[in-house]
Amino acid sequence: MPQRELAGYYRKAKVHILPSWFETTGLSSIEAAAMGCNIVITDKGDTREYFGDDAFYCDPANPASILETVEKASAAGINENLQKKILEKYTWQQAALQTSKAYQLATTA
């Protein structure tokens, strides 16, 4: 899907689902959260480090877990705390700033 169309779909959606087996925090989940979607993601990998208690976690090996979690996320209100957290901490500008800091530390060490 073209990037310019994706934002419109995120705006219309209430829930974004990425129940993968192992996730290094999918960019699509971060994008969806920034647009105000509730997030249903795997309980595997490092997703909790990014989303903490602000996401809905499922077991990707268990279809009943996925369905139950999607239903919970659909019934819940929009998590504005998650959206704010993403917009403050996980932007491309923040990624560039943190990368620059890491390089600066490496060159002074």
Protein backbone atom coordinates (compact mmCIF):
# COMPACT_ATOMS: atom_id res chain seq x y z
CA MET A 1 0.00 0.00 0.00
CA PRO A 2 1.41 3.44 -0.81
CA GLN A 3 2.59 5.33 2.27
CA ARG A 4 0.37 8.34 1.51
CA GLU A 5 -2.72 6.10 1.74
CA LEU A 6 -1.64 4.29 4.89
CA ALA A 7 -2.16 7.23 7.26
CA GLY A 8 -5.79 7.47 6.15
CA TYR A 9 -6.40 3.83 6.96
CA TYR A 10 -4.76 4.18 10.37
CA ARG A 11 -7.01 7.20 11.08
CA LYS A 12 -10.10 5.11 10.31
CA ALA A 13 -8.98 2.07 12.30
CA LYS A 14 -9.47 1.56 16.00
CA VAL A 15 -7.23 -1.50 16.37
CA HIS A 16 -3.95 -2.51 14.77
CA ILE A 17 -3.03 -6.21 14.98
CA LEU A 18 0.47 -7.67 14.65
CA PRO A 19 0.43 -11.11 16.33
CA SER A 20 3.79 -12.27 14.97
CA TRP A 21 5.95 -15.01 16.45
CA PHE A 22 8.83 -12.71 17.27
CA GLU A 23 8.81 -9.00 16.87
CA THR A 24 11.50 -6.41 17.21
CA THR A 25 8.74 -3.88 17.63
CA GLY A 26 7.14 -3.53 14.26
CA LEU A 27 7.21 -0.09 12.69
CA SER A 28 3.59 -0.60 11.65
CA SER A 29 2.56 -0.87 15.33
CA ILE A 30 4.40 2.34 16.17
CA GLU A 31 2.80 4.11 13.20
CA ALA A 32 -0.67 2.86 14.14
CA ALA A 33 -0.23 3.92 17.78
CA ALA A 34 0.88 7.36 16.64
CA MET A 35 -2.37 7.62 14.68
CA GLY A 36 -4.44 6.66 17.76
CA CYS A 37 -5.03 2.95 17.19
CA ASN A 38 -5.14 0.46 20.03
CA ILE A 39 -2.37 -2.08 19.51
CA VAL A 40 -2.71 -5.87 19.61
CA ILE A 41 0.75 -7.38 19.49
CA THR A 42 2.68 -10.51 20.29
CA ASP A 43 3.76 -11.28 23.81
CA LYS A 44 7.07 -12.48 22.34
CA GLY A 45 10.23 -10.44 21.75
CA ASP A 46 10.82 -6.95 23.10
CA THR A 47 7.40 -5.41 22.53
CA ARG A 48 6.78 -4.80 26.25
CA GLU A 49 9.91 -2.64 26.42
CA TYR A 50 8.34 -0.27 23.91
CA PHE A 51 4.65 -0.41 24.74
CA GLY A 52 4.58 -1.39 28.42
CA ASP A 53 1.05 -1.61 29.76
CA ASP A 54 -0.32 0.50 26.91
CA ALA A 55 -0.79 -2.36 24.42
CA PHE A 56 -2.92 -5.49 24.29
CA TYR A 57 -0.76 -8.64 24.22
CA CYS A 58 -1.68 -11.98 22.68
CA ASP A 59 -0.09 -15.38 22.24
CA PRO A 60 0.53 -15.77 18.49
CA ALA A 61 0.37 -19.56 18.81
CA ASN A 62 -3.17 -19.42 20.16
CA PRO A 63 -5.94 -18.20 17.82
CA ALA A 64 -8.34 -17.92 20.77
CA SER A 65 -5.86 -15.60 22.51
CA ILE A 66 -5.63 -13.44 19.39
CA LEU A 67 -9.42 -13.21 19.06
CA GLU A 68 -9.93 -12.46 22.75
CA THR A 69 -7.26 -9.76 22.68
CA VAL A 70 -8.68 -8.15 19.53
CA GLU A 71 -12.12 -8.08 21.15
CA LYS A 72 -10.69 -6.41 24.28
CA ALA A 73 -8.83 -3.82 22.22
CA SER A 74 -11.95 -3.14 20.15
CA ALA A 75 -14.09 -2.62 23.24
CA ALA A 76 -11.55 -0.37 24.99
CA GLY A 77 -11.33 3.36 24.56
CA ILE A 78 -8.47 4.83 22.58
CA ASN A 79 -5.30 4.92 24.65
CA GLU A 80 -4.19 8.54 24.36
CA ASN A 81 -1.28 7.81 26.70
CA LEU A 82 0.21 5.40 24.16
CA GLN A 83 -0.27 7.87 21.32
CA LYS A 84 1.43 10.63 23.32
CA LYS A 85 4.30 8.32 24.32
CA ILE A 86 4.92 7.33 20.69
CA LEU A 87 4.80 10.91 19.44
CA GLU A 88 7.28 12.01 22.13
CA LYS A 89 9.72 9.09 22.19
CA TYR A 90 9.58 7.12 18.94
CA THR A 91 9.77 9.63 16.11
CA TRP A 92 12.42 9.64 13.38
CA GLN A 93 13.78 12.82 14.97
CA GLN A 94 14.21 11.06 18.31
CA ALA A 95 15.82 8.07 16.61
CA ALA A 96 18.33 10.35 14.91
CA LEU A 97 19.06 12.17 18.17
CA GLN A 98 19.65 8.92 20.06
CA THR A 99 21.85 7.58 17.25
CA SER A 100 23.90 10.77 17.28
CA LYS A 101 24.35 10.53 21.06
CA ALA A 102 25.49 6.93 20.75
CA TYR A 103 28.10 7.89 18.16
CA GLN A 104 29.28 10.79 20.31
CA LEU A 105 29.72 8.46 23.29
CA ALA A 106 31.60 5.96 21.15
CA THR A 107 34.04 8.58 19.89
CA THR A 108 34.75 9.97 23.37
CA ALA A 109 35.25 6.59 24.99
